[in-house]
Structure formats: C-alpha cells, structure tokens
Amino acid sequence: MILVTGATGRIGSTLIPMLLEKNYKVKTILMPGDKGKERLKNLGVEYLEGKLQDSSICNTAVKDVDTVFHLGAVMFQEWVTNEITFQTNIRGTFNMLEAIAANNIKLKRFVFASSDQVYPSLKAKYSPIDENHPTEPYNIYGLSKLMGEHLCRIYLKEFNIPAVWPRFTLTIKGYELFEPNGDLSDFFYVKSKLKKLKEISNPSDEVKNLAQKFEEFLNNEGEGIYIPCDEEGVPYEVPFTDPRDVAQGLLLLLENDKVVGEAFNFGPPFSRPLDEIVKHLSKKKNLPYLKAKMPSSLFKWNFKININKAKKIFGYNPQWDVFKVIDEM
C-alpha cells in the first residue's frame, strides 16, 4: 500500500493513475471539502479526511503502508500565512515521519517533495543550479522545504526511515499555459500581468511606464502575451516542468536504493529563453505578443536547473519540454 499526500495537486493527480496502472494500492489524506474527492473515489483510492497538522490523522494514515510520497504542502499564494506554512509544511512533515517511527512502520521509501526554493532558485548564486548549491532560502516556504529535508535526514539516521528528497522546479500542467486567468497566467498574459502591476502600492516610474505600455497594447489588441526581459532586453529563462516527467521520476526513486539520503533536482529535459516559448505559444494561440523590459523585482524567475545527478544515479529522463506540451494542447 502506498500513501500519497497532496493527491489532488498537479503532481499527485498525475502520479496516482501511474501507480494504479502498476497495480499498487493507494490511499491518501484529503482536506475536508477537497473537490478532487469524487475522482479519487472513482479510481478506487482509499482516503481519510483531515489535515497533516493533525497527528492522529497521520498515525492512522501510515498504518499498513510500505511507501510514502509526501507531496502535500501549501505554496506561497497570497492567502497563505507564515503560520499556515509552518503548520502544514513543517509540522505536517514532522507528523508524518513521527507517525512512521512511533508505529514502527518499515518503509521501502519515504519520498519528500522538496523545492528549488531551498537554494533559492530566484536568488541563485550560479546557474545551472545543481544539488551542491548553497541552501539559503529567503522566505518561509523555502525554509519549510529545507526543514523538511533536515527532518528526513534525522529520521533516516535515528529511525532508518529510507527518505529521499527530490527538489521540484516550477511544475505546470499544459492547460495552465493556455489559461489567461489561471494561477500562473501572469507569466505570459498581458492582462493578467497588468492586473498585478496595478496592485503594487506606491509604484515606481518604471512600473507606471510598463503598466501604460501594457494598457496601450490591450487597447489595440484586446489580449496578448508578453516576453519578459531584463533591463538590457535579454529574455528571462524559466525551466517549466511537466507533471508527467516528475511522476515518472518519482516512480524511478522506488527502484534504486542508491537514492536514499540524497537530494535530486527534478526539471525539464531542457530549458529555453522565454522569447522562444512566447513566440511558439503566440503562434499556436493566434495571439499577438510584445517585448517588455522589466526589472528582476517584477519578474524573479530566471535560472536553469541541472538534473545530471538524477540522470546518472537512477535514470531520470524527462520527455516533455514546454514546446511539446504546447503542441499537445
């Protein structure tokens, strides 16, 4: 039996069908009111309703399992406070590991979903970022992931829980590239980015000029996408990862004992500057685009991720580059 937390997220909802196809039995913990419950019930997934912050739920959930994919966490959305991040990500991970130790559960693998925010990628000291990059997170989310890794190390040493912590970079489903009002739409869509710009209090002249440029573009075109560039006009670069590649990598972690006690970057097969991605998306969506210079304070994503360690040790082999995903959509 495999326990998957975060079962209705981008990665969990992709991983679970793959596990079922391999005839694994799967159970999960669902937040009360989770809209993905019916889909999981139809797939035959067992579930408990509760929160990771509740140690009694974790104690019940880990019984009769031999593998845990701990994907459940909150990210840095506007509604997520530091308290929520601490309780869900740090205490939730502690509760899971403590439940396994307290109940003397013998696991084949405990997979903790970490993040490139432990470096952090948004303020990387060098690029491409490998696993030897210093870990100096600057916000509570990155800290929560680094704390999770440290908890995994301690419970591996003290209780022999065979933990591994893949570090995911920005993972999105293909449809999100086509949603002008989705969670990640301000990466591409002018109207969505303009809304973000207008929410900035006491905007600088630079922000005001950029907002004016976007408004003029929208008045002429109705909607469009933009190429974010640095102050010198060089397009930023973002390693978008498809959840199918992440899920395949997670399955491979079950097959190789050399992964225990290690961190691994999970990323796309290759990354490309955003001008190439935007132009491809523009062609497929038949939308105009414009080039926009913006300081790093307005567009923080600009890095490459090194996945050679995962390739070498357990054969991680991502297939879904962003162009292939756009073509599929």
C-alpha atoms as a PDB file:
ATOM      1  CA  MET A   1       0.000   0.000   0.000  1.00  0.00           C
ATOM      2  CA  ILE A   2       1.298   3.437  -0.973  1.00  0.00           C
ATOM      3  CA  LEU A   3       0.285   6.611   0.836  1.00  0.00           C
ATOM      4  CA  VAL A   4       0.249   9.760  -1.314  1.00  0.00           C
ATOM      5  CA  THR A   5      -0.341  13.096   0.368  1.00  0.00           C
ATOM      6  CA  GLY A   6      -1.211  16.045  -1.862  1.00  0.00           C
ATOM      7  CA  ALA A   7      -3.138  13.615  -4.048  1.00  0.00           C
ATOM      8  CA  THR A   8      -5.194  16.240  -5.886  1.00  0.00           C
ATOM      9  CA  GLY A   9      -2.327  18.590  -6.723  1.00  0.00           C
ATOM     10  CA  ARG A  10      -0.540  18.819 -10.057  1.00  0.00           C
ATOM     11  CA  ILE A  11       1.928  16.057  -9.275  1.00  0.00           C
ATOM     12  CA  GLY A  12      -0.199  13.852  -7.029  1.00  0.00           C
ATOM     13  CA  SER A  13      -3.084  13.713  -9.504  1.00  0.00           C
ATOM     14  CA  THR A  14      -0.616  12.645 -12.197  1.00  0.00           C
ATOM     15  CA  LEU A  15       1.286  10.139 -10.063  1.00  0.00           C
ATOM     16  CA  ILE A  16      -1.681   8.219  -8.669  1.00  0.00           C
ATOM     17  CA  PRO A  17      -3.009   6.864 -12.016  1.00  0.00           C
ATOM     18  CA  MET A  18       0.531   5.730 -12.836  1.00  0.00           C
ATOM     19  CA  LEU A  19       0.731   3.869  -9.526  1.00  0.00           C
ATOM     20  CA  LEU A  20      -2.659   2.249 -10.117  1.00  0.00           C
ATOM     21  CA  GLU A  21      -1.567   1.153 -13.595  1.00  0.00           C
ATOM     22  CA  LYS A  22       1.310  -0.690 -11.923  1.00  0.00           C
ATOM     23  CA  ASN A  23      -1.234  -2.405  -9.633  1.00  0.00           C
ATOM     24  CA  TYR A  24      -0.195  -0.583  -6.479  1.00  0.00           C
ATOM     25  CA  LYS A  25      -2.896   0.057  -3.898  1.00  0.00           C
ATOM     26  CA  VAL A  26      -3.083   3.736  -2.999  1.00  0.00           C
ATOM     27  CA  LYS A  27      -4.533   5.747  -0.136  1.00  0.00           C
ATOM     28  CA  THR A  28      -4.381   9.419   0.726  1.00  0.00           C
ATOM     29  CA  ILE A  29      -5.315  12.142   3.186  1.00  0.00           C
ATOM     30  CA  LEU A  30      -7.769  14.687   1.798  1.00  0.00           C
ATOM     31  CA  MET A  31      -8.549  18.108   3.154  1.00  0.00           C
ATOM     32  CA  PRO A  32     -12.237  18.378   4.112  1.00  0.00           C
ATOM     33  CA  GLY A  33     -14.166  19.621   1.094  1.00  0.00           C
ATOM     34  CA  ASP A  34     -11.450  18.733  -1.433  1.00  0.00           C
ATOM     35  CA  LYS A  35     -13.086  18.923  -4.870  1.00  0.00           C
ATOM     36  CA  GLY A  36     -10.954  16.049  -6.149  1.00  0.00           C
ATOM     37  CA  LYS A  37     -12.513  13.510  -3.799  1.00  0.00           C
ATOM     38  CA  GLU A  38     -15.002  12.067  -6.288  1.00  0.00           C
ATOM     39  CA  ARG A  39     -12.316  11.481  -8.903  1.00  0.00           C
ATOM     40  CA  LEU A  40     -10.189   9.584  -6.392  1.00  0.00           C
ATOM     41  CA  LYS A  41     -13.175   7.543  -5.237  1.00  0.00           C
ATOM     42  CA  ASN A  42     -13.879   6.574  -8.845  1.00  0.00           C
ATOM     43  CA  LEU A  43     -10.265   5.466  -9.223  1.00  0.00           C
ATOM     44  CA  GLY A  44     -10.599   3.237  -6.173  1.00  0.00           C
ATOM     45  CA  VAL A  45      -8.238   5.236  -3.948  1.00  0.00           C
ATOM     46  CA  GLU A  46      -8.761   4.896  -0.210  1.00  0.00           C
ATOM     47  CA  TYR A  47      -8.858   8.184   1.658  1.00  0.00           C
ATOM     48  CA  LEU A  48      -9.044   9.771   5.064  1.00  0.00           C
ATOM     49  CA  GLU A  49     -10.357  13.274   5.545  1.00  0.00           C
ATOM     50  CA  GLY A  50      -8.247  15.506   7.723  1.00  0.00           C
ATOM     51  CA  LYS A  51      -5.201  17.728   7.893  1.00  0.00           C
ATOM     52  CA  LEU A  52      -1.499  16.961   8.062  1.00  0.00           C
ATOM     53  CA  GLN A  53      -1.328  19.160  11.168  1.00  0.00           C
ATOM     54  CA  ASP A  54      -3.403  16.516  12.980  1.00  0.00           C
ATOM     55  CA  SER A  55      -1.020  13.859  14.309  1.00  0.00           C
ATOM     56  CA  SER A  56      -3.862  11.383  14.874  1.00  0.00           C
ATOM     57  CA  ILE A  57      -4.752  11.501  11.151  1.00  0.00           C
ATOM     58  CA  CYS A  58      -1.126  10.835  10.233  1.00  0.00           C
ATOM     59  CA  ASN A  59      -0.937   7.940  12.699  1.00  0.00           C
ATOM     60  CA  THR A  60      -3.984   6.346  11.115  1.00  0.00           C
ATOM     61  CA  ALA A  61      -2.846   7.014   7.556  1.00  0.00           C
ATOM     62  CA  VAL A  62       0.586   5.352   7.818  1.00  0.00           C
ATOM     63  CA  LYS A  63      -0.725   2.002   9.041  1.00  0.00           C
ATOM     64  CA  ASP A  64      -0.373  -0.822   6.504  1.00  0.00           C
ATOM     65  CA  VAL A  65       1.736   1.258   4.094  1.00  0.00           C
ATOM     66  CA  ASP A  66       5.191   0.410   2.791  1.00  0.00           C
ATOM     67  CA  THR A  67       5.834   3.571   0.749  1.00  0.00           C
ATOM     68  CA  VAL A  68       5.009   7.242   1.294  1.00  0.00           C
ATOM     69  CA  PHE A  69       5.018  10.004  -1.293  1.00  0.00           C
ATOM     70  CA  HIS A  70       4.718  13.080   0.893  1.00  0.00           C
ATOM     71  CA  LEU A  71       3.663  15.684  -1.669  1.00  0.00           C
ATOM     72  CA  GLY A  72       1.164  17.568   0.473  1.00  0.00           C
ATOM     73  CA  ALA A  73       2.076  21.186   1.234  1.00  0.00           C
ATOM     74  CA  VAL A  74       0.947  24.771   0.810  1.00  0.00           C
ATOM     75  CA  MET A  75       2.822  27.083  -1.533  1.00  0.00           C
ATOM     76  CA  PHE A  76       3.289  30.833  -1.481  1.00  0.00           C
ATOM     77  CA  GLN A  77      -0.159  32.012  -2.523  1.00  0.00           C
ATOM     78  CA  GLU A  78      -1.466  35.316  -1.208  1.00  0.00           C
ATOM     79  CA  TRP A  79      -3.842  33.697   1.295  1.00  0.00           C
ATOM     80  CA  VAL A  80      -1.138  31.507   2.845  1.00  0.00           C
ATOM     81  CA  THR A  81       0.258  32.999   6.048  1.00  0.00           C
ATOM     82  CA  ASN A  82       3.559  32.052   7.668  1.00  0.00           C
ATOM     83  CA  GLU A  83       1.580  30.251  10.373  1.00  0.00           C
ATOM     84  CA  ILE A  84      -0.273  28.138   7.807  1.00  0.00           C
ATOM     85  CA  THR A  85       3.004  27.331   6.043  1.00  0.00           C
ATOM     86  CA  PHE A  86       4.646  26.308   9.302  1.00  0.00           C
ATOM     87  CA  GLN A  87       1.769  24.143  10.476  1.00  0.00           C
ATOM     88  CA  THR A  88       1.155  22.440   7.122  1.00  0.00           C
ATOM     89  CA  ASN A  89       4.646  22.064   5.704  1.00  0.00           C
ATOM     90  CA  ILE A  90       6.895  21.722   8.746  1.00  0.00           C
ATOM     91  CA  ARG A  91       4.593  20.275  11.389  1.00  0.00           C
ATOM     92  CA  GLY A  92       2.829  18.169   8.753  1.00  0.00           C
ATOM     93  CA  THR A  93       6.127  16.610   7.654  1.00  0.00           C
ATOM     94  CA  PHE A  94       7.157  16.070  11.277  1.00  0.00           C
ATOM     95  CA  ASN A  95       3.818  14.386  11.992  1.00  0.00           C
ATOM     96  CA  MET A  96       4.233  12.024   9.036  1.00  0.00           C
ATOM     97  CA  LEU A  97       7.764  10.985   9.985  1.00  0.00           C
ATOM     98  CA  GLU A  98       6.936  10.732  13.669  1.00  0.00           C
ATOM     99  CA  ALA A  99       3.898   8.559  12.917  1.00  0.00           C
ATOM    100  CA  ILE A 100       6.062   6.175  10.880  1.00  0.00           C
ATOM    101  CA  ALA A 101       8.677   5.985  13.646  1.00  0.00           C
ATOM    102  CA  ALA A 102       6.179   5.697  16.509  1.00  0.00           C
ATOM    103  CA  ASN A 103       4.251   2.912  14.792  1.00  0.00           C
ATOM    104  CA  ASN A 104       7.458   1.125  13.756  1.00  0.00           C
ATOM    105  CA  ILE A 105       6.389   1.136  10.096  1.00  0.00           C
ATOM    106  CA  LYS A 106       9.002  -0.488   7.843  1.00  0.00           C
ATOM    107  CA  LEU A 107       9.078   1.512   4.635  1.00  0.00           C
ATOM    108  CA  LYS A 108      10.669   0.809   1.284  1.00  0.00           C
ATOM    109  CA  ARG A 109      10.832   4.555   0.649  1.00  0.00           C
ATOM    110  CA  PHE A 110       9.753   7.902   2.088  1.00  0.00           C
ATOM    111  CA  VAL A 111       9.753  10.480  -0.715  1.00  0.00           C
ATOM    112  CA  PHE A 112       9.590  14.072   0.487  1.00  0.00           C
ATOM    113  CA  ALA A 113       8.648  16.681  -2.109  1.00  0.00           C
ATOM    114  CA  SER A 114      11.169  19.480  -1.744  1.00  0.00           C
ATOM    115  CA  SER A 115      11.680  22.504  -3.967  1.00  0.00           C
ATOM    116  CA  ASP A 116      14.302  24.548  -5.781  1.00  0.00           C
ATOM    117  CA  GLN A 117      13.267  27.282  -3.348  1.00  0.00           C
ATOM    118  CA  VAL A 118      15.690  25.765  -0.822  1.00  0.00           C
ATOM    119  CA  TYR A 119      18.605  27.278  -2.821  1.00  0.00           C
ATOM    120  CA  PRO A 120      16.636  29.516  -3.647  1.00  0.00           C
ATOM    121  CA  SER A 121      16.447  29.495  -7.428  1.00  0.00           C
ATOM    122  CA  LEU A 122      15.101  33.046  -7.504  1.00  0.00           C
ATOM    123  CA  LYS A 123      18.357  34.305  -5.990  1.00  0.00           C
ATOM    124  CA  ALA A 124      20.775  31.683  -7.245  1.00  0.00           C
ATOM    125  CA  LYS A 125      24.497  32.221  -6.861  1.00  0.00           C
ATOM    126  CA  TYR A 126      25.121  30.391 -10.145  1.00  0.00           C
ATOM    127  CA  SER A 127      23.185  28.717 -12.957  1.00  0.00           C
ATOM    128  CA  PRO A 128      22.532  25.954 -13.896  1.00  0.00           C
ATOM    129  CA  ILE A 129      21.793  25.128 -10.260  1.00  0.00           C
ATOM    130  CA  ASP A 130      22.991  21.732  -9.062  1.00  0.00           C
ATOM    131  CA  GLU A 131      22.444  19.969  -5.751  1.00  0.00           C
ATOM    132  CA  ASN A 132      25.707  21.377  -4.330  1.00  0.00           C
ATOM    133  CA  HIS A 133      24.389  24.936  -4.493  1.00  0.00           C
ATOM    134  CA  PRO A 134      24.232  26.540  -1.015  1.00  0.00           C
ATOM    135  CA  THR A 135      20.804  26.289   0.625  1.00  0.00           C
ATOM    136  CA  GLU A 136      19.898  29.760   1.874  1.00  0.00           C
ATOM    137  CA  PRO A 137      16.123  30.255   1.497  1.00  0.00           C
ATOM    138  CA  TYR A 138      14.801  33.771   1.989  1.00  0.00           C
ATOM    139  CA  ASN A 139      11.125  33.082   2.703  1.00  0.00           C
ATOM    140  CA  ILE A 140       9.098  30.796   4.945  1.00  0.00           C
ATOM    141  CA  TYR A 141       8.123  28.476   2.071  1.00  0.00           C
ATOM    142  CA  GLY A 142      11.743  27.773   1.111  1.00  0.00           C
ATOM    143  CA  LEU A 143      12.604  27.382   4.790  1.00  0.00           C
ATOM    144  CA  SER A 144       9.744  24.912   5.275  1.00  0.00           C
ATOM    145  CA  LYS A 145      11.110  22.744   2.481  1.00  0.00           C
ATOM    146  CA  LEU A 146      14.654  22.886   3.827  1.00  0.00           C
ATOM    147  CA  MET A 147      13.354  21.997   7.304  1.00  0.00           C
ATOM    148  CA  GLY A 148      11.533  19.053   5.741  1.00  0.00           C
ATOM    149  CA  GLU A 149      14.798  17.832   4.245  1.00  0.00           C
ATOM    150  CA  HIS A 150      16.545  18.134   7.616  1.00  0.00           C
ATOM    151  CA  LEU A 151      13.730  16.199   9.288  1.00  0.00           C
ATOM    152  CA  CYS A 152      14.148  13.460   6.681  1.00  0.00           C
ATOM    153  CA  ARG A 153      17.890  13.274   7.411  1.00  0.00           C
ATOM    154  CA  ILE A 154      17.324  12.991  11.164  1.00  0.00           C
ATOM    155  CA  TYR A 155      14.646  10.311  10.862  1.00  0.00           C
ATOM    156  CA  LEU A 156      16.840   8.396   8.413  1.00  0.00           C
ATOM    157  CA  LYS A 157      19.725   8.430  10.915  1.00  0.00           C
ATOM    158  CA  GLU A 158      17.694   7.804  14.064  1.00  0.00           C
ATOM    159  CA  PHE A 159      14.897   5.520  12.830  1.00  0.00           C
ATOM    160  CA  ASN A 160      16.256   4.252   9.498  1.00  0.00           C
ATOM    161  CA  ILE A 161      13.359   5.723   7.517  1.00  0.00           C
ATOM    162  CA  PRO A 162      14.661   5.467   3.917  1.00  0.00           C
ATOM    163  CA  ALA A 163      13.996   9.043   2.853  1.00  0.00           C
ATOM    164  CA  VAL A 164      14.856  10.834  -0.375  1.00  0.00           C
ATOM    165  CA  TRP A 165      14.027  14.427  -1.248  1.00  0.00           C
ATOM    166  CA  PRO A 166      13.536  15.398  -4.909  1.00  0.00           C
ATOM    167  CA  ARG A 167      13.639  19.152  -5.424  1.00  0.00           C
ATOM    168  CA  PHE A 168      10.979  20.193  -7.922  1.00  0.00           C
ATOM    169  CA  THR A 169      11.249  23.269 -10.066  1.00  0.00           C
ATOM    170  CA  LEU A 170       8.214  25.098 -11.472  1.00  0.00           C
ATOM    171  CA  THR A 171       5.754  22.346 -12.412  1.00  0.00           C
ATOM    172  CA  ILE A 172       2.709  23.190 -14.522  1.00  0.00           C
ATOM    173  CA  LYS A 173       0.110  21.276 -16.499  1.00  0.00           C
ATOM    174  CA  GLY A 174      -0.247  22.069 -20.168  1.00  0.00           C
ATOM    175  CA  TYR A 175      -3.679  23.653 -19.872  1.00  0.00           C
ATOM    176  CA  GLU A 176      -2.245  26.269 -17.498  1.00  0.00           C
ATOM    177  CA  LEU A 177      -0.202  27.701 -20.371  1.00  0.00           C
ATOM    178  CA  PHE A 178      -3.480  28.389 -22.157  1.00  0.00           C
ATOM    179  CA  GLU A 179      -5.396  29.924 -19.248  1.00  0.00           C
ATOM    180  CA  PRO A 180      -5.327  33.742 -19.383  1.00  0.00           C
ATOM    181  CA  ASN A 181      -6.772  33.945 -15.846  1.00  0.00           C
ATOM    182  CA  GLY A 182      -5.092  30.993 -14.133  1.00  0.00           C
ATOM    183  CA  ASP A 183      -2.693  30.893 -11.184  1.00  0.00           C
ATOM    184  CA  LEU A 184       0.350  31.246 -13.441  1.00  0.00           C
ATOM    185  CA  SER A 185      -1.163  33.428 -16.139  1.00  0.00           C
ATOM    186  CA  ASP A 186       0.943  36.474 -15.279  1.00  0.00           C
ATOM    187  CA  PHE A 187       3.960  34.587 -16.646  1.00  0.00           C
ATOM    188  CA  PHE A 188       2.604  35.132 -20.146  1.00  0.00           C
ATOM    189  CA  TYR A 189      -0.624  37.114 -20.445  1.00  0.00           C
ATOM    190  CA  VAL A 190      -0.577  40.888 -20.680  1.00  0.00           C
ATOM    191  CA  LYS A 191      -3.931  41.432 -18.994  1.00  0.00           C
ATOM    192  CA  SER A 192      -3.015  39.256 -16.025  1.00  0.00           C
ATOM    193  CA  LYS A 193       0.379  40.917 -15.595  1.00  0.00           C
ATOM    194  CA  LEU A 194      -1.189  44.364 -15.851  1.00  0.00           C
ATOM    195  CA  LYS A 195      -3.538  43.443 -13.008  1.00  0.00           C
ATOM    196  CA  LYS A 196      -0.504  42.515 -10.881  1.00  0.00           C
ATOM    197  CA  LEU A 197       1.218  45.777 -11.750  1.00  0.00           C
ATOM    198  CA  LYS A 198      -1.824  47.794 -10.696  1.00  0.00           C
ATOM    199  CA  GLU A 199      -1.829  46.040  -7.310  1.00  0.00           C
ATOM    200  CA  ILE A 200       1.628  47.444  -6.494  1.00  0.00           C
ATOM    201  CA  SER A 201       1.392  50.173  -3.882  1.00  0.00           C
ATOM    202  CA  ASN A 202       3.462  53.306  -4.473  1.00  0.00           C
ATOM    203  CA  PRO A 203       4.612  52.153  -7.911  1.00  0.00           C
ATOM    204  CA  SER A 204       7.883  53.451  -9.329  1.00  0.00           C
ATOM    205  CA  ASP A 205       8.012  55.366 -12.603  1.00  0.00           C
ATOM    206  CA  GLU A 206       9.306  52.180 -14.201  1.00  0.00           C
ATOM    207  CA  VAL A 207       6.231  50.257 -13.082  1.00  0.00           C
ATOM    208  CA  LYS A 208       3.935  53.077 -14.204  1.00  0.00           C
ATOM    209  CA  ASN A 209       5.552  53.165 -17.653  1.00  0.00           C
ATOM    210  CA  LEU A 210       5.300  49.397 -18.028  1.00  0.00           C
ATOM    211  CA  ALA A 211       1.641  49.440 -16.983  1.00  0.00           C
ATOM    212  CA  GLN A 212       0.949  52.194 -19.509  1.00  0.00           C
ATOM    213  CA  LYS A 213       2.660  50.171 -22.228  1.00  0.00           C
ATOM    214  CA  PHE A 214       0.540  47.127 -21.387  1.00  0.00           C
ATOM    215  CA  GLU A 215      -2.661  49.201 -21.328  1.00  0.00           C
ATOM    216  CA  GLU A 216      -1.927  50.676 -24.750  1.00  0.00           C
ATOM    217  CA  PHE A 217      -1.230  47.194 -26.107  1.00  0.00           C
ATOM    218  CA  LEU A 218      -4.510  45.855 -24.717  1.00  0.00           C
ATOM    219  CA  ASN A 219      -6.464  48.812 -26.104  1.00  0.00           C
ATOM    220  CA  ASN A 220      -5.131  47.960 -29.555  1.00  0.00           C
ATOM    221  CA  GLU A 221      -5.139  44.167 -29.390  1.00  0.00           C
ATOM    222  CA  GLY A 222      -7.692  43.144 -26.741  1.00  0.00           C
ATOM    223  CA  GLU A 223      -5.396  40.460 -25.294  1.00  0.00           C
ATOM    224  CA  GLY A 224      -1.923  39.171 -25.901  1.00  0.00           C
ATOM    225  CA  ILE A 225       1.167  37.667 -24.362  1.00  0.00           C
ATOM    226  CA  TYR A 226       4.482  39.236 -23.481  1.00  0.00           C
ATOM    227  CA  ILE A 227       8.168  38.365 -23.442  1.00  0.00           C
ATOM    228  CA  PRO A 228       9.673  39.392 -20.079  1.00  0.00           C
ATOM    229  CA  CYS A 229      13.204  40.727 -20.484  1.00  0.00           C
ATOM    230  CA  ASP A 230      15.793  42.192 -18.174  1.00  0.00           C
ATOM    231  CA  GLU A 231      16.823  45.831 -18.258  1.00  0.00           C
ATOM    232  CA  GLU A 232      19.152  45.145 -21.201  1.00  0.00           C
ATOM    233  CA  GLY A 233      16.443  43.413 -23.227  1.00  0.00           C
ATOM    234  CA  VAL A 234      17.659  39.842 -22.649  1.00  0.00           C
ATOM    235  CA  PRO A 235      14.693  37.432 -22.224  1.00  0.00           C
ATOM    236  CA  TYR A 236      14.377  35.682 -18.888  1.00  0.00           C
ATOM    237  CA  GLU A 237      14.555  31.897 -18.696  1.00  0.00           C
ATOM    238  CA  VAL A 238      12.293  29.564 -16.724  1.00  0.00           C
ATOM    239  CA  PRO A 239      12.576  25.733 -16.550  1.00  0.00           C
ATOM    240  CA  PHE A 240       8.917  24.684 -16.757  1.00  0.00           C
ATOM    241  CA  THR A 241       8.436  21.004 -15.851  1.00  0.00           C
ATOM    242  CA  ASP A 242       5.567  18.748 -16.871  1.00  0.00           C
ATOM    243  CA  PRO A 243       3.993  16.710 -14.023  1.00  0.00           C
ATOM    244  CA  ARG A 244       4.271  13.539 -16.114  1.00  0.00           C
ATOM    245  CA  ASP A 245       8.048  13.809 -16.081  1.00  0.00           C
ATOM    246  CA  VAL A 246       8.027  14.432 -12.342  1.00  0.00           C
ATOM    247  CA  ALA A 247       5.765  11.428 -11.727  1.00  0.00           C
ATOM    248  CA  GLN A 248       7.949   9.151 -13.850  1.00  0.00           C
ATOM    249  CA  GLY A 249      10.964  10.309 -11.874  1.00  0.00           C
ATOM    250  CA  LEU A 250       9.181   9.589  -8.602  1.00  0.00           C
ATOM    251  CA  LEU A 251       8.448   6.034  -9.716  1.00  0.00           C
ATOM    252  CA  LEU A 252      12.130   5.524 -10.507  1.00  0.00           C
ATOM    253  CA  LEU A 253      13.025   6.507  -6.929  1.00  0.00           C
ATOM    254  CA  LEU A 254      11.317   3.298  -5.768  1.00  0.00           C
ATOM    255  CA  GLU A 255      13.595   1.114  -7.855  1.00  0.00           C
ATOM    256  CA  ASN A 256      17.056   2.259  -6.768  1.00  0.00           C
ATOM    257  CA  ASP A 257      18.344   2.115  -3.180  1.00  0.00           C
ATOM    258  CA  LYS A 258      21.225   4.459  -4.034  1.00  0.00           C
ATOM    259  CA  VAL A 259      18.795   7.382  -3.838  1.00  0.00           C
ATOM    260  CA  VAL A 260      18.243   7.086  -0.076  1.00  0.00           C
ATOM    261  CA  GLY A 261      19.545  10.068   1.867  1.00  0.00           C
ATOM    262  CA  GLU A 262      20.013  12.188  -1.252  1.00  0.00           C
ATOM    263  CA  ALA A 263      18.593  15.332  -2.842  1.00  0.00           C
ATOM    264  CA  PHE A 264      17.809  15.346  -6.559  1.00  0.00           C
ATOM    265  CA  ASN A 265      16.810  18.171  -8.870  1.00  0.00           C
ATOM    266  CA  PHE A 266      13.744  17.406 -10.985  1.00  0.00           C
ATOM    267  CA  GLY A 267      13.389  19.602 -14.052  1.00  0.00           C
ATOM    268  CA  PRO A 268      12.568  19.596 -17.766  1.00  0.00           C
ATOM    269  CA  PRO A 269      14.673  17.925 -20.491  1.00  0.00           C
ATOM    270  CA  PHE A 270      15.969  21.372 -21.399  1.00  0.00           C
ATOM    271  CA  SER A 271      15.061  24.994 -20.802  1.00  0.00           C
ATOM    272  CA  ARG A 272      14.766  27.816 -23.303  1.00  0.00           C
ATOM    273  CA  PRO A 273      14.530  31.610 -23.080  1.00  0.00           C
ATOM    274  CA  LEU A 274      11.001  32.896 -22.701  1.00  0.00           C
ATOM    275  CA  ASP A 275      11.053  34.648 -26.067  1.00  0.00           C
ATOM    276  CA  GLU A 276      11.174  31.263 -27.808  1.00  0.00           C
ATOM    277  CA  ILE A 277       8.349  29.917 -25.638  1.00  0.00           C
ATOM    278  CA  VAL A 278       6.170  33.021 -26.039  1.00  0.00           C
ATOM    279  CA  LYS A 279       6.591  33.092 -29.817  1.00  0.00           C
ATOM    280  CA  HIS A 280       5.610  29.423 -30.032  1.00  0.00           C
ATOM    281  CA  LEU A 281       2.598  29.964 -27.780  1.00  0.00           C
ATOM    282  CA  SER A 282       1.660  33.074 -29.767  1.00  0.00           C
ATOM    283  CA  LYS A 283       1.618  31.085 -32.976  1.00  0.00           C
ATOM    284  CA  LYS A 284      -0.476  28.263 -31.517  1.00  0.00           C
ATOM    285  CA  LYS A 285      -2.979  30.586 -29.804  1.00  0.00           C
ATOM    286  CA  ASN A 286      -3.006  33.138 -32.611  1.00  0.00           C
ATOM    287  CA  LEU A 287      -2.312  35.951 -30.156  1.00  0.00           C
ATOM    288  CA  PRO A 288      -0.035  38.963 -30.632  1.00  0.00           C
ATOM    289  CA  TYR A 289       2.912  39.470 -28.322  1.00  0.00           C
ATOM    290  CA  LEU A 290       5.150  42.286 -27.193  1.00  0.00           C
ATOM    291  CA  LYS A 291       8.593  42.515 -25.648  1.00  0.00           C
ATOM    292  CA  ALA A 292       8.678  44.093 -22.186  1.00  0.00           C
ATOM    293  CA  LYS A 293      11.724  45.162 -20.221  1.00  0.00           C
ATOM    294  CA  MET A 294      11.141  44.672 -16.531  1.00  0.00           C
ATOM    295  CA  PRO A 295      13.460  44.664 -13.523  1.00  0.00           C
ATOM    296  CA  SER A 296      14.081  41.480 -11.567  1.00  0.00           C
ATOM    297  CA  SER A 297      11.832  42.876  -8.825  1.00  0.00           C
ATOM    298  CA  LEU A 298       8.889  42.422 -11.213  1.00  0.00           C
ATOM    299  CA  PHE A 299       9.945  39.098 -12.736  1.00  0.00           C
ATOM    300  CA  LYS A 300      12.023  36.978 -10.390  1.00  0.00           C
ATOM    301  CA  TRP A 301      12.207  33.765 -12.410  1.00  0.00           C
ATOM    302  CA  ASN A 302      15.438  33.484 -14.349  1.00  0.00           C
ATOM    303  CA  PHE A 303      17.568  30.360 -13.964  1.00  0.00           C
ATOM    304  CA  LYS A 304      18.455  26.913 -15.263  1.00  0.00           C
ATOM    305  CA  ILE A 305      18.357  23.682 -13.283  1.00  0.00           C
ATOM    306  CA  ASN A 306      20.951  20.905 -13.520  1.00  0.00           C
ATOM    307  CA  ILE A 307      19.414  17.400 -13.500  1.00  0.00           C
ATOM    308  CA  ASN A 308      22.567  15.398 -14.274  1.00  0.00           C
ATOM    309  CA  LYS A 309      22.722  13.787 -10.821  1.00  0.00           C
ATOM    310  CA  ALA A 310      19.221  12.320 -11.199  1.00  0.00           C
ATOM    311  CA  LYS A 311      20.009  11.157 -14.727  1.00  0.00           C
ATOM    312  CA  LYS A 312      23.204   9.415 -13.630  1.00  0.00           C
ATOM    313  CA  ILE A 313      22.049   7.735 -10.422  1.00  0.00           C
ATOM    314  CA  PHE A 314      18.546   6.499 -11.247  1.00  0.00           C
ATOM    315  CA  GLY A 315      17.922   7.234 -14.907  1.00  0.00           C
ATOM    316  CA  TYR A 316      15.680  10.286 -14.692  1.00  0.00           C
ATOM    317  CA  ASN A 317      14.813  11.026 -18.316  1.00  0.00           C
ATOM    318  CA  PRO A 318      12.233  13.809 -18.792  1.00  0.00           C
ATOM    319  CA  GLN A 319      10.484  13.865 -22.161  1.00  0.00           C
ATOM    320  CA  TRP A 320       8.005  16.746 -22.036  1.00  0.00           C
ATOM    321  CA  ASP A 321       9.702  20.001 -22.949  1.00  0.00           C
ATOM    322  CA  VAL A 322       7.445  23.060 -22.958  1.00  0.00           C
ATOM    323  CA  PHE A 323       7.200  23.184 -26.772  1.00  0.00           C
ATOM    324  CA  LYS A 324       5.957  19.595 -26.894  1.00  0.00           C
ATOM    325  CA  VAL A 325       3.411  20.413 -24.186  1.00  0.00           C
ATOM    326  CA  ILE A 326       2.134  23.443 -26.120  1.00  0.00           C
ATOM    327  CA  ASP A 327       1.839  21.379 -29.298  1.00  0.00           C
ATOM    328  CA  GLU A 328      -0.118  18.711 -27.430  1.00  0.00           C
ATOM    329  CA  MET A 329      -2.561  21.278 -26.078  1.00  0.00           C
END
